[in-house]
N, C-alpha and C. Protein backbone atom coordinates (compact mmCIF):
# COMPACT_ATOMS: atom_id res chain seq x y z
N MET A 1 0.84 -1.17 0.00
CA MET A 1 0.00 0.00 0.00
C MET A 1 0.89 1.24 0.00
N ILE A 2 0.60 2.16 -0.84
CA ILE A 2 1.39 3.39 -0.96
C ILE A 2 0.69 4.48 -0.17
N GLU A 3 1.45 5.09 0.74
CA GLU A 3 0.90 6.18 1.55
C GLU A 3 1.31 7.51 0.94
N THR A 4 0.36 8.40 0.86
CA THR A 4 0.68 9.72 0.37
C THR A 4 0.95 10.63 1.57
N PRO A 5 1.95 11.48 1.48
CA PRO A 5 2.25 12.36 2.61
C PRO A 5 1.11 13.34 2.85
N VAL A 6 0.85 13.60 4.11
CA VAL A 6 -0.21 14.54 4.48
C VAL A 6 0.41 15.91 4.66
N ALA A 7 -0.20 16.91 4.06
CA ALA A 7 0.30 18.28 4.21
C ALA A 7 0.03 18.74 5.63
N GLU A 8 1.07 19.22 6.30
CA GLU A 8 0.94 19.66 7.68
C GLU A 8 0.67 21.16 7.72
N GLN A 9 -0.06 21.56 8.74
CA GLN A 9 -0.35 22.97 8.95
C GLN A 9 0.89 23.65 9.55
N PRO A 10 1.10 24.91 9.28
CA PRO A 10 2.24 25.61 9.89
C PRO A 10 2.12 25.60 11.42
N GLY A 11 3.21 25.32 12.09
CA GLY A 11 3.21 25.30 13.55
C GLY A 11 2.75 23.99 14.14
N GLU A 12 2.33 23.05 13.31
CA GLU A 12 1.86 21.75 13.80
C GLU A 12 3.03 20.77 13.83
N ARG A 13 3.05 19.93 14.86
CA ARG A 13 4.12 18.93 14.94
C ARG A 13 3.91 17.88 13.87
N PRO A 14 4.99 17.27 13.40
CA PRO A 14 4.85 16.20 12.41
C PRO A 14 4.03 15.03 12.98
N GLN A 15 3.36 14.32 12.12
CA GLN A 15 2.46 13.25 12.53
C GLN A 15 3.21 12.14 13.27
N HIS A 16 4.42 11.81 12.85
CA HIS A 16 5.15 10.72 13.51
C HIS A 16 5.48 11.08 14.95
N GLU A 17 5.69 12.36 15.25
CA GLU A 17 5.94 12.78 16.64
C GLU A 17 4.67 12.62 17.47
N GLN A 18 3.53 12.93 16.89
CA GLN A 18 2.27 12.76 17.60
C GLN A 18 2.02 11.28 17.90
N VAL A 19 2.31 10.41 16.95
CA VAL A 19 2.13 8.98 17.15
C VAL A 19 3.08 8.47 18.23
N ASP A 20 4.33 8.92 18.19
CA ASP A 20 5.30 8.51 19.21
C ASP A 20 4.85 8.93 20.60
N GLU A 21 4.28 10.12 20.73
CA GLU A 21 3.80 10.60 22.04
C GLU A 21 2.64 9.74 22.54
N ILE A 22 1.74 9.37 21.66
CA ILE A 22 0.60 8.53 22.04
C ILE A 22 1.08 7.17 22.50
N VAL A 23 2.02 6.58 21.78
CA VAL A 23 2.54 5.26 22.13
C VAL A 23 3.29 5.31 23.46
N ARG A 24 4.04 6.39 23.70
CA ARG A 24 4.77 6.53 24.96
C ARG A 24 3.84 6.64 26.16
N SER A 25 2.65 7.18 25.97
CA SER A 25 1.73 7.35 27.10
C SER A 25 1.22 6.02 27.64
N GLY A 26 1.34 4.94 26.88
CA GLY A 26 1.02 3.61 27.37
C GLY A 26 -0.43 3.20 27.14
N PRO A 27 -0.70 1.94 27.47
CA PRO A 27 -2.03 1.38 27.22
C PRO A 27 -2.98 1.55 28.41
N GLY A 28 -3.07 2.72 28.97
CA GLY A 28 -3.90 2.94 30.16
C GLY A 28 -5.37 2.62 29.94
N GLY A 29 -5.91 3.06 28.83
CA GLY A 29 -7.33 2.80 28.56
C GLY A 29 -7.62 1.33 28.35
N ALA A 30 -6.72 0.63 27.68
CA ALA A 30 -6.92 -0.80 27.45
C ALA A 30 -6.85 -1.57 28.76
N LEU A 31 -5.93 -1.20 29.64
CA LEU A 31 -5.84 -1.87 30.93
C LEU A 31 -7.07 -1.60 31.79
N ALA A 32 -7.57 -0.39 31.75
CA ALA A 32 -8.78 -0.05 32.50
C ALA A 32 -9.97 -0.85 31.99
N LEU A 33 -10.11 -0.93 30.68
CA LEU A 33 -11.22 -1.68 30.09
C LEU A 33 -11.12 -3.16 30.43
N ALA A 34 -9.92 -3.73 30.36
CA ALA A 34 -9.73 -5.14 30.70
C ALA A 34 -10.03 -5.38 32.18
N SER A 35 -9.65 -4.46 33.05
CA SER A 35 -9.91 -4.60 34.48
C SER A 35 -11.41 -4.56 34.77
N ILE A 36 -12.11 -3.65 34.13
CA ILE A 36 -13.56 -3.54 34.33
C ILE A 36 -14.26 -4.81 33.84
N ALA A 37 -13.86 -5.30 32.66
CA ALA A 37 -14.47 -6.51 32.12
C ALA A 37 -14.20 -7.71 33.02
N THR A 38 -12.99 -7.82 33.55
CA THR A 38 -12.65 -8.92 34.46
C THR A 38 -13.46 -8.83 35.74
N ALA A 39 -13.63 -7.64 36.28
CA ALA A 39 -14.43 -7.45 37.50
C ALA A 39 -15.89 -7.83 37.26
N ILE A 40 -16.42 -7.50 36.10
CA ILE A 40 -17.81 -7.85 35.79
C ILE A 40 -17.97 -9.36 35.69
N VAL A 41 -17.04 -10.03 35.02
CA VAL A 41 -17.12 -11.50 34.89
C VAL A 41 -17.00 -12.15 36.26
N ALA A 42 -16.09 -11.68 37.11
CA ALA A 42 -15.95 -12.24 38.46
C ALA A 42 -17.21 -12.02 39.28
N ALA A 43 -17.81 -10.84 39.18
CA ALA A 43 -19.04 -10.55 39.92
C ALA A 43 -20.18 -11.46 39.46
N ILE A 44 -20.30 -11.70 38.17
CA ILE A 44 -21.33 -12.60 37.66
C ILE A 44 -21.09 -14.01 38.16
N TRP A 45 -19.83 -14.45 38.18
CA TRP A 45 -19.51 -15.80 38.64
C TRP A 45 -19.88 -15.96 40.11
N PHE A 46 -19.51 -14.97 40.96
CA PHE A 46 -19.85 -15.06 42.39
C PHE A 46 -21.36 -15.03 42.60
N ALA A 47 -22.07 -14.18 41.86
CA ALA A 47 -23.53 -14.12 41.99
C ALA A 47 -24.13 -15.47 41.61
N PHE A 48 -23.68 -16.06 40.54
CA PHE A 48 -24.18 -17.37 40.12
C PHE A 48 -23.90 -18.41 41.19
N TYR A 49 -22.70 -18.38 41.76
CA TYR A 49 -22.32 -19.35 42.80
C TYR A 49 -23.20 -19.20 44.03
N PHE A 50 -23.37 -17.96 44.52
CA PHE A 50 -24.12 -17.75 45.76
C PHE A 50 -25.62 -17.89 45.59
N PHE A 51 -26.17 -17.55 44.43
CA PHE A 51 -27.62 -17.59 44.25
C PHE A 51 -28.13 -18.84 43.56
N VAL A 52 -27.25 -19.65 42.96
CA VAL A 52 -27.70 -20.86 42.29
C VAL A 52 -27.15 -22.11 42.97
N PHE A 53 -25.83 -22.19 43.14
CA PHE A 53 -25.24 -23.41 43.68
C PHE A 53 -25.50 -23.57 45.17
N LEU A 54 -25.25 -22.57 45.97
CA LEU A 54 -25.39 -22.71 47.42
C LEU A 54 -26.83 -22.99 47.86
N PRO A 55 -27.84 -22.35 47.29
CA PRO A 55 -29.21 -22.66 47.72
C PRO A 55 -29.63 -24.12 47.42
N ARG A 56 -28.99 -24.78 46.48
CA ARG A 56 -29.34 -26.17 46.15
C ARG A 56 -28.85 -27.13 47.21
N GLY A 57 -27.86 -26.74 47.96
CA GLY A 57 -27.33 -27.60 49.02
C GLY A 57 -26.30 -28.57 48.50
N VAL A 58 -25.86 -29.45 49.40
CA VAL A 58 -24.83 -30.42 49.09
C VAL A 58 -25.43 -31.58 48.27
N ILE A 59 -24.78 -31.95 47.19
CA ILE A 59 -25.24 -33.08 46.40
C ILE A 59 -24.68 -34.37 47.01
N GLN A 60 -25.58 -35.33 47.28
CA GLN A 60 -25.14 -36.57 47.92
C GLN A 60 -25.30 -37.75 47.00
């Protein structure tokens, strides 16, 4: 794929510098999203365990 150069506005930083700055800032949003999703799955698992398995009692 051939990329055409983008004309930059006067006083604007080059695009590669902007990309480098974004990459340096790290994956904070992705880690937050993964943490929230993991917490939701764990909460659903505990709710299922306490409200479905425990009320049934011990299987003999």
